[in-house]
Amino acid sequence: MEFLNKIVSFIRKNQLYFCYLLVLILLGYGMFVYSGTTYIHLLFIYLCAFTLFYFFFKNTIKGNKLIQLNKEFSSATLNALSYVILIFIIGFILLHFYTLGFVPIIAAYYATDILETAKIRHDLSIDVHPLIAYGSSFVVRSFIPFFLLYFFVTKRKFIFRSLLIISVFYCIGLLQKSFITFICLPIILYCLIHLDWKRFILFSLIPLCGFVLMVMITNPQLRGKENLNIPTTESQSLLVGSYNRIFLIPGKVVAEWFSLIPQKYPYLYGKGYHFLNPNTYVDYSKILYEELFPQYAKLGLAGTVNVASFVYEYSNFGILGLVLSALVLSFIFLCIELLFVNNQYYILVLNALPIILLSSAALSTMLFSGGWVATLVLFLIFRKKIE
């Protein structure tokens, strides 16, 4: 029993590490199903480097003071600021739909085949101003999840329920299956950690029901309409499609990148970073889309093949890139742990989402346009109210 308690204590002290370890295990599973053990050694190299750097930094900074603001805001100021951001969230949602000129899920409902719904999704990223696109990422991945949790914890029930309803409508309206999970995940984890099973089940049903609804609407053949154009994996059963999307596809994409780089596409040696080489920037995520999905490219559907964060560094510097990626991410994890050193209940609640998304996004994307830094700043500001 004492040994088990030590294991549980060790996991609690290293929640971010074990959360990310689970992500890497799932990636490894997808890689194995797709390509066997061909590229597993590259994932193993990255895991070993990450583990060594993480625990080295962990022991180095042990006992240091937590990161906090020099000046704390009063409760009145925090309340006023929360209402200002709430108004901004609602205003942004209205502005987004106004700039689109239509509600995508309604348009998808009247679509007659899967290609038509694919074009509706595709047009969402083309017909919108870049500021709206970036703003949507911040709102969905940072502002809404944080303030749903904030109003829930501070027991402002009316505001919480209103924001939840508006946010769910926004996510479903944009035909983004993942968005509805993003906004609910912190509350789901909060209820799980506090063993609030009733609310845990309730909030877990929201993304599940939203997912089922969007799958039904975006797949006309599931509503009795004949799919006249192209076959799609979403024509499979809902359970099989969900299983593939969650457990297989992220690892499959990692294996596909490893199979093409450098065998067919050379290492970029820094050209894969736009901020370093804006004039000679090469975006493999777009190039490989045409390589891996030629059937969609022939139909004029542009896209990207997003992959786990460490693969972007591999595409630039090979195995050295894997080590550098492990070094940077482990240091970031330790900085975050300093920020949450006295708030262990919130470290996983607020950081699980970006860590999970590292399975299909670059680290720089998650930190900035993905809203991770924004969430950490919000926690720094509002920590007093939710402790």
Protein backbone atom coordinates (compact mmCIF):
# COMPACT_ATOMS: atom_id res chain seq x y z
CA MET A 1 0.00 0.00 0.00
CA GLU A 2 2.83 2.38 0.86
CA PHE A 3 4.48 1.63 -2.49
CA LEU A 4 1.22 2.41 -4.31
CA ASN A 5 0.92 5.70 -2.43
CA LYS A 6 4.44 6.63 -3.51
CA ILE A 7 3.56 5.95 -7.14
CA VAL A 8 0.41 8.08 -6.91
CA SER A 9 2.39 10.87 -5.23
CA PHE A 10 5.07 10.71 -7.93
CA ILE A 11 2.45 10.96 -10.68
CA ARG A 12 0.77 13.92 -8.97
CA LYS A 13 4.10 15.76 -8.75
CA ASN A 14 4.72 15.17 -12.46
CA GLN A 15 1.24 15.49 -13.94
CA LEU A 16 2.34 17.26 -17.12
CA TYR A 17 5.00 14.64 -17.82
CA PHE A 18 2.59 11.72 -17.49
CA CYS A 19 -0.10 13.49 -19.49
CA TYR A 20 2.37 13.98 -22.33
CA LEU A 21 3.68 10.44 -21.91
CA LEU A 22 0.15 9.19 -22.56
CA VAL A 23 0.04 11.32 -25.72
CA LEU A 24 3.32 9.80 -26.94
CA ILE A 25 2.09 6.27 -26.18
CA LEU A 26 -1.02 6.88 -28.29
CA LEU A 27 1.16 8.26 -31.09
CA GLY A 28 3.34 5.17 -30.87
CA TYR A 29 0.28 2.94 -31.09
CA GLY A 30 -0.91 4.68 -34.25
CA MET A 31 2.58 4.48 -35.74
CA PHE A 32 2.79 0.75 -34.97
CA VAL A 33 -0.60 0.00 -36.53
CA TYR A 34 0.32 1.94 -39.67
CA SER A 35 3.99 1.06 -40.20
CA GLY A 36 4.97 -1.53 -37.61
CA THR A 37 8.25 -0.84 -35.83
CA THR A 38 9.86 0.93 -38.81
CA TYR A 39 9.90 4.41 -37.24
CA ILE A 40 9.30 3.63 -33.57
CA HIS A 41 13.00 4.17 -32.81
CA LEU A 42 12.65 7.87 -33.69
CA LEU A 43 9.79 8.26 -31.23
CA PHE A 44 11.83 6.37 -28.62
CA ILE A 45 14.80 8.71 -29.11
CA TYR A 46 12.53 11.70 -28.56
CA LEU A 47 10.90 10.15 -25.47
CA CYS A 48 14.27 9.34 -23.89
CA ALA A 49 15.61 12.84 -24.55
CA PHE A 50 12.44 14.44 -23.20
CA THR A 51 12.50 12.30 -20.04
CA LEU A 52 16.16 13.05 -19.34
CA PHE A 53 15.77 16.81 -19.85
CA TYR A 54 12.53 16.98 -17.88
CA PHE A 55 13.86 15.32 -14.73
CA PHE A 56 17.19 17.15 -15.03
CA PHE A 57 15.38 20.50 -15.00
CA LYS A 58 13.03 19.21 -12.30
CA ASN A 59 15.90 18.49 -9.94
CA THR A 60 17.74 21.68 -10.89
CA ILE A 61 14.90 24.06 -10.03
CA LYS A 62 13.66 22.09 -7.01
CA GLY A 63 12.83 24.42 -4.13
CA ASN A 64 12.74 27.61 -6.20
CA LYS A 65 9.92 30.12 -5.70
CA LEU A 66 6.80 29.98 -7.82
CA ILE A 67 6.11 32.35 -10.69
CA GLN A 68 3.60 35.04 -9.76
CA LEU A 69 2.62 38.61 -10.48
CA ASN A 70 4.31 41.33 -8.47
CA LYS A 71 0.95 43.04 -7.98
CA GLU A 72 -2.36 41.31 -7.31
CA PHE A 73 -5.61 42.80 -8.55
CA SER A 74 -8.53 43.50 -6.25
CA SER A 75 -11.67 41.34 -6.41
CA ALA A 76 -13.64 44.24 -7.88
CA THR A 77 -11.07 44.71 -10.63
CA LEU A 78 -11.05 41.01 -11.44
CA ASN A 79 -14.85 40.92 -11.57
CA ALA A 80 -14.95 43.89 -13.91
CA LEU A 81 -12.23 42.38 -16.12
CA SER A 82 -14.07 39.04 -16.32
CA TYR A 83 -17.22 40.81 -17.51
CA VAL A 84 -15.28 42.80 -20.09
CA ILE A 85 -13.77 39.60 -21.51
CA LEU A 86 -17.19 37.93 -21.41
CA ILE A 87 -18.63 40.75 -23.52
CA PHE A 88 -15.65 40.42 -25.88
CA ILE A 89 -16.27 36.66 -26.30
CA ILE A 90 -19.95 37.14 -27.14
CA GLY A 91 -19.20 40.06 -29.44
CA PHE A 92 -16.52 38.10 -31.25
CA ILE A 93 -18.87 35.15 -31.83
CA LEU A 94 -21.47 37.47 -33.37
CA LEU A 95 -18.80 39.18 -35.47
CA HIS A 96 -17.49 35.84 -36.75
CA PHE A 97 -20.88 34.70 -38.00
CA TYR A 98 -21.53 38.17 -39.45
CA THR A 99 -18.29 38.10 -41.47
CA LEU A 100 -19.09 34.60 -42.74
CA GLY A 101 -22.53 35.70 -43.84
CA PHE A 102 -24.07 32.33 -42.97
CA VAL A 103 -24.14 29.63 -40.31
CA PRO A 104 -22.09 26.69 -41.69
CA ILE A 105 -24.01 23.92 -39.96
CA ILE A 106 -27.28 25.14 -41.49
CA ALA A 107 -25.68 25.19 -44.94
CA ALA A 108 -24.30 21.69 -44.34
CA TYR A 109 -27.75 20.42 -43.39
CA TYR A 110 -29.04 21.27 -46.86
CA ALA A 111 -26.00 19.76 -48.61
CA THR A 112 -26.71 16.72 -50.78
CA ASP A 113 -23.33 14.99 -50.68
CA ILE A 114 -20.08 14.78 -48.73
CA LEU A 115 -18.12 16.87 -51.24
CA GLU A 116 -20.49 19.78 -50.76
CA THR A 117 -20.02 19.68 -46.99
CA ALA A 118 -16.24 19.43 -47.50
CA LYS A 119 -16.33 22.62 -49.57
CA ILE A 120 -18.32 24.38 -46.87
CA ARG A 121 -15.62 23.48 -44.34
CA HIS A 122 -12.91 24.48 -46.78
CA ASP A 123 -14.49 27.88 -47.41
CA LEU A 124 -14.52 28.60 -43.68
CA SER A 125 -10.75 29.08 -43.72
CA ILE A 126 -10.75 31.08 -46.96
CA ASP A 127 -13.68 33.46 -46.64
CA VAL A 128 -12.71 34.80 -43.22
CA HIS A 129 -10.25 37.58 -42.36
CA PRO A 130 -6.96 36.31 -40.82
CA LEU A 131 -7.64 38.30 -37.64
CA ILE A 132 -10.97 36.52 -37.25
CA ALA A 133 -9.28 33.16 -37.81
CA TYR A 134 -6.62 33.84 -35.19
CA GLY A 135 -9.19 35.34 -32.87
CA SER A 136 -11.34 32.25 -33.14
CA SER A 137 -8.41 30.08 -32.10
CA PHE A 138 -7.78 32.23 -29.01
CA VAL A 139 -11.46 32.36 -28.09
CA VAL A 140 -12.09 28.62 -28.44
CA ARG A 141 -8.83 27.30 -27.03
CA SER A 142 -8.22 29.84 -24.28
CA PHE A 143 -10.87 32.42 -23.39
CA ILE A 144 -13.99 30.25 -23.45
CA PRO A 145 -12.47 27.19 -21.66
CA PHE A 146 -10.87 29.37 -18.99
CA PHE A 147 -13.91 31.52 -18.27
CA LEU A 148 -16.33 28.61 -18.33
CA LEU A 149 -14.14 27.11 -15.61
CA TYR A 150 -13.81 30.49 -13.85
CA PHE A 151 -17.56 31.16 -13.68
CA PHE A 152 -18.19 27.53 -12.72
CA VAL A 153 -15.71 27.59 -9.83
CA THR A 154 -16.86 31.01 -8.61
CA LYS A 155 -20.47 29.71 -8.70
CA ARG A 156 -21.93 32.35 -11.02
CA LYS A 157 -24.44 29.89 -12.40
CA PHE A 158 -26.44 32.15 -14.71
CA ILE A 159 -23.35 33.54 -16.44
CA PHE A 160 -21.81 30.06 -16.66
CA ARG A 161 -24.89 28.48 -18.21
CA SER A 162 -25.39 31.36 -20.64
CA LEU A 163 -21.76 31.26 -21.78
CA LEU A 164 -21.90 27.47 -22.11
CA ILE A 165 -25.00 27.57 -24.34
CA ILE A 166 -23.58 30.35 -26.53
CA SER A 167 -20.21 28.62 -26.82
CA VAL A 168 -21.69 25.24 -27.72
CA PHE A 169 -23.81 26.89 -30.42
CA TYR A 170 -20.69 28.65 -31.74
CA CYS A 171 -18.68 25.42 -31.97
CA ILE A 172 -21.48 23.43 -33.57
CA GLY A 173 -22.31 26.31 -35.89
CA LEU A 174 -18.75 26.29 -37.24
CA LEU A 175 -18.84 22.53 -37.92
CA GLN A 176 -15.77 22.02 -35.73
CA LYS A 177 -16.05 18.72 -33.89
CA SER A 178 -12.91 19.36 -31.87
CA PHE A 179 -13.93 22.84 -30.71
CA ILE A 180 -16.75 21.59 -28.52
CA THR A 181 -14.30 19.26 -26.77
CA PHE A 182 -11.83 22.12 -26.31
CA ILE A 183 -14.31 24.31 -24.45
CA CYS A 184 -15.61 21.53 -22.16
CA LEU A 185 -12.39 19.65 -21.33
CA PRO A 186 -11.21 21.85 -18.39
CA ILE A 187 -14.58 21.58 -16.64
CA ILE A 188 -14.72 17.83 -17.29
CA LEU A 189 -11.25 17.36 -15.76
CA TYR A 190 -12.10 19.66 -12.84
CA CYS A 191 -15.18 17.58 -11.99
CA LEU A 192 -13.21 14.35 -12.40
CA ILE A 193 -10.42 15.51 -10.06
CA HIS A 194 -13.00 16.59 -7.47
CA LEU A 195 -14.93 13.30 -7.93
CA ASP A 196 -18.08 15.18 -8.89
CA TRP A 197 -19.42 12.29 -10.94
CA LYS A 198 -22.83 13.77 -11.71
CA ARG A 199 -21.42 16.91 -13.34
CA PHE A 200 -18.57 14.91 -14.88
CA ILE A 201 -21.06 12.76 -16.79
CA LEU A 202 -23.24 15.74 -17.67
CA PHE A 203 -20.41 17.83 -19.12
CA SER A 204 -18.92 14.79 -20.89
CA LEU A 205 -22.21 14.26 -22.71
CA ILE A 206 -22.09 17.76 -24.21
CA PRO A 207 -19.14 17.17 -26.59
CA LEU A 208 -20.34 13.62 -27.27
CA CYS A 209 -23.81 14.77 -28.34
CA GLY A 210 -22.35 17.67 -30.30
CA PHE A 211 -19.97 15.32 -32.10
CA VAL A 212 -22.78 12.93 -33.06
CA LEU A 213 -24.93 15.82 -34.28
CA MET A 214 -22.16 17.25 -36.47
CA VAL A 215 -21.26 13.84 -37.92
CA MET A 216 -24.89 13.27 -38.87
CA ILE A 217 -25.25 16.69 -40.49
CA THR A 218 -21.91 16.70 -42.35
CA ASN A 219 -22.50 13.21 -43.75
CA PRO A 220 -25.66 13.38 -45.90
CA GLN A 221 -25.54 9.65 -46.57
CA LEU A 222 -26.14 9.05 -42.86
CA ARG A 223 -29.35 11.06 -43.19
CA GLY A 224 -30.63 8.99 -46.11
CA LYS A 225 -29.09 11.10 -48.88
CA GLU A 226 -26.95 9.38 -51.47
CA ASN A 227 -23.29 10.33 -51.59
CA LEU A 228 -22.78 10.94 -55.32
CA ASN A 229 -19.18 12.09 -55.35
CA ILE A 230 -16.23 10.75 -53.41
CA PRO A 231 -15.88 8.07 -50.76
CA THR A 232 -14.81 9.18 -47.30
CA THR A 233 -13.68 7.49 -44.12
CA GLU A 234 -16.50 9.33 -42.32
CA SER A 235 -18.92 7.03 -44.16
CA GLN A 236 -17.83 4.34 -41.74
CA SER A 237 -19.70 3.74 -38.54
CA LEU A 238 -19.48 6.53 -36.02
CA LEU A 239 -17.56 4.40 -33.52
CA VAL A 240 -14.98 3.20 -36.04
CA GLY A 241 -14.46 6.68 -37.42
CA SER A 242 -14.05 8.15 -33.93
CA TYR A 243 -11.62 5.40 -32.94
CA ASN A 244 -9.48 6.00 -36.01
CA ARG A 245 -9.48 9.78 -35.56
CA ILE A 246 -8.43 9.63 -31.90
CA PHE A 247 -6.15 6.60 -31.65
CA LEU A 248 -4.76 5.93 -35.12
CA ILE A 249 -4.62 9.00 -37.35
CA PRO A 250 -2.23 11.17 -35.24
CA GLY A 251 0.33 8.34 -35.10
CA LYS A 252 -0.29 7.45 -38.75
CA VAL A 253 0.52 11.03 -39.79
CA VAL A 254 3.75 10.96 -37.75
CA ALA A 255 4.81 7.75 -39.50
CA GLU A 256 3.94 9.26 -42.90
CA TRP A 257 6.14 12.30 -42.26
CA PHE A 258 8.99 10.05 -41.09
CA SER A 259 8.59 7.92 -44.23
CA LEU A 260 8.87 10.92 -46.56
CA ILE A 261 11.60 12.91 -44.75
CA PRO A 262 14.40 12.79 -45.76
CA GLN A 263 13.78 9.90 -48.20
CA LYS A 264 11.75 12.06 -50.59
CA TYR A 265 11.79 15.54 -49.05
CA PRO A 266 15.09 16.86 -47.62
CA TYR A 267 15.65 18.32 -44.18
CA LEU A 268 14.87 22.03 -44.22
CA TYR A 269 17.64 23.21 -41.89
CA GLY A 270 15.64 26.13 -40.55
CA LYS A 271 13.58 26.94 -43.63
CA GLY A 272 10.58 25.32 -41.95
CA TYR A 273 10.36 28.25 -39.49
CA HIS A 274 8.61 31.26 -40.94
CA PHE A 275 9.92 33.63 -38.25
CA LEU A 276 13.51 32.68 -39.16
CA ASN A 277 13.17 32.58 -42.95
CA PRO A 278 10.11 34.53 -44.09
CA ASN A 279 11.42 34.78 -47.66
CA THR A 280 12.49 31.15 -48.08
CA TYR A 281 9.92 29.52 -45.79
CA VAL A 282 8.84 26.02 -46.81
CA ASP A 283 5.59 24.64 -45.37
CA TYR A 284 5.78 20.85 -45.49
CA SER A 285 2.31 20.57 -43.94
CA LYS A 286 0.83 21.97 -47.17
CA ILE A 287 3.24 20.20 -49.52
CA LEU A 288 2.64 16.82 -47.92
CA TYR A 289 -1.12 17.33 -48.10
CA GLU A 290 -0.89 17.08 -51.89
CA GLU A 291 1.37 14.06 -51.49
CA LEU A 292 -0.84 12.19 -49.04
CA PHE A 293 -4.29 13.29 -50.24
CA PRO A 294 -4.01 13.59 -54.04
CA GLN A 295 -7.72 12.78 -54.48
CA TYR A 296 -8.68 15.93 -52.60
CA ALA A 297 -5.96 18.06 -54.19
CA LYS A 298 -7.26 17.13 -57.66
CA LEU A 299 -10.66 18.45 -56.64
CA GLY A 300 -9.10 21.80 -55.76
CA LEU A 301 -9.35 21.32 -51.99
CA ALA A 302 -6.27 22.80 -50.34
CA GLY A 303 -5.33 21.70 -46.84
CA THR A 304 -2.58 20.89 -44.38
CA VAL A 305 -1.26 17.72 -42.79
CA ASN A 306 -0.67 18.77 -39.20
CA VAL A 307 1.64 16.56 -37.21
CA ALA A 308 3.05 16.17 -33.70
CA SER A 309 5.21 19.07 -32.53
CA PHE A 310 8.54 17.21 -32.44
CA VAL A 311 8.17 16.11 -36.08
CA TYR A 312 8.44 19.72 -37.24
CA GLU A 313 11.88 19.92 -35.61
CA TYR A 314 12.75 16.56 -37.16
CA SER A 315 11.80 17.88 -40.59
CA ASN A 316 14.31 20.69 -40.08
CA PHE A 317 17.25 19.02 -38.33
CA GLY A 318 16.68 15.27 -38.28
CA ILE A 319 17.49 13.41 -35.06
CA LEU A 320 19.15 16.54 -33.65
CA GLY A 321 15.80 18.25 -34.09
CA LEU A 322 14.14 15.59 -31.94
CA VAL A 323 16.62 16.30 -29.14
CA LEU A 324 16.20 20.07 -29.45
CA SER A 325 12.41 19.71 -29.40
CA ALA A 326 12.64 17.59 -26.22
CA LEU A 327 14.92 20.19 -24.60
CA VAL A 328 12.62 23.13 -25.33
CA LEU A 329 9.38 21.40 -24.33
CA SER A 330 10.79 19.98 -21.10
CA PHE A 331 11.97 23.46 -20.09
CA ILE A 332 8.53 24.91 -20.86
CA PHE A 333 6.90 22.18 -18.75
CA LEU A 334 9.08 23.07 -15.79
CA CYS A 335 8.24 26.78 -16.13
CA ILE A 336 4.56 25.87 -16.09
CA GLU A 337 5.04 23.72 -13.00
CA LEU A 338 6.62 26.70 -11.23
CA LEU A 339 3.54 28.73 -12.13
CA PHE A 340 1.21 26.09 -10.64
CA VAL A 341 3.38 24.94 -7.74
CA ASN A 342 0.66 25.84 -5.19
CA ASN A 343 -2.27 24.98 -7.48
CA GLN A 344 -1.91 21.30 -8.29
CA TYR A 345 -5.66 20.96 -8.94
CA TYR A 346 -5.41 23.34 -11.89
CA ILE A 347 -2.13 22.34 -13.51
CA LEU A 348 -3.68 19.47 -15.44
CA VAL A 349 -7.11 21.09 -15.81
CA LEU A 350 -5.70 24.10 -17.68
CA ASN A 351 -2.78 22.45 -19.47
CA ALA A 352 -4.14 19.08 -20.59
CA LEU A 353 -5.75 20.53 -23.73
CA PRO A 354 -2.60 22.14 -25.22
CA ILE A 355 -0.54 19.09 -24.27
CA ILE A 356 -2.97 16.80 -26.07
CA LEU A 357 -2.96 19.12 -29.08
CA LEU A 358 0.82 18.83 -29.32
CA SER A 359 0.02 15.48 -30.98
CA SER A 360 -1.01 17.42 -34.09
CA ALA A 361 0.42 20.93 -33.86
CA ALA A 362 3.74 22.75 -33.67
CA LEU A 363 4.84 23.94 -30.23
CA SER A 364 5.10 27.57 -31.36
CA THR A 365 1.58 27.38 -32.77
CA MET A 366 0.17 26.02 -29.52
CA LEU A 367 1.98 28.57 -27.37
CA PHE A 368 0.88 31.65 -29.27
CA SER A 369 -1.90 31.36 -31.85
CA GLY A 370 -3.11 28.23 -30.05
CA GLY A 371 -3.77 30.23 -26.88
CA TRP A 372 -1.58 28.32 -24.40
CA VAL A 373 0.32 31.42 -23.28
CA ALA A 374 -2.97 33.34 -23.09
CA THR A 375 -4.41 30.70 -20.75
CA LEU A 376 -1.35 30.88 -18.49
CA VAL A 377 -1.59 34.68 -18.36
CA LEU A 378 -5.29 34.47 -17.48
CA PHE A 379 -4.45 32.06 -14.68
CA LEU A 380 -1.79 34.42 -13.37
CA ILE A 381 -4.29 37.27 -13.30
CA PHE A 382 -7.33 35.42 -11.92
CA ARG A 383 -5.56 32.91 -9.67
CA LYS A 384 -6.71 34.74 -6.54
CA LYS A 385 -10.38 34.18 -7.41
CA ILE A 386 -10.24 30.44 -8.08
CA GLU A 387 -7.80 29.24 -5.43
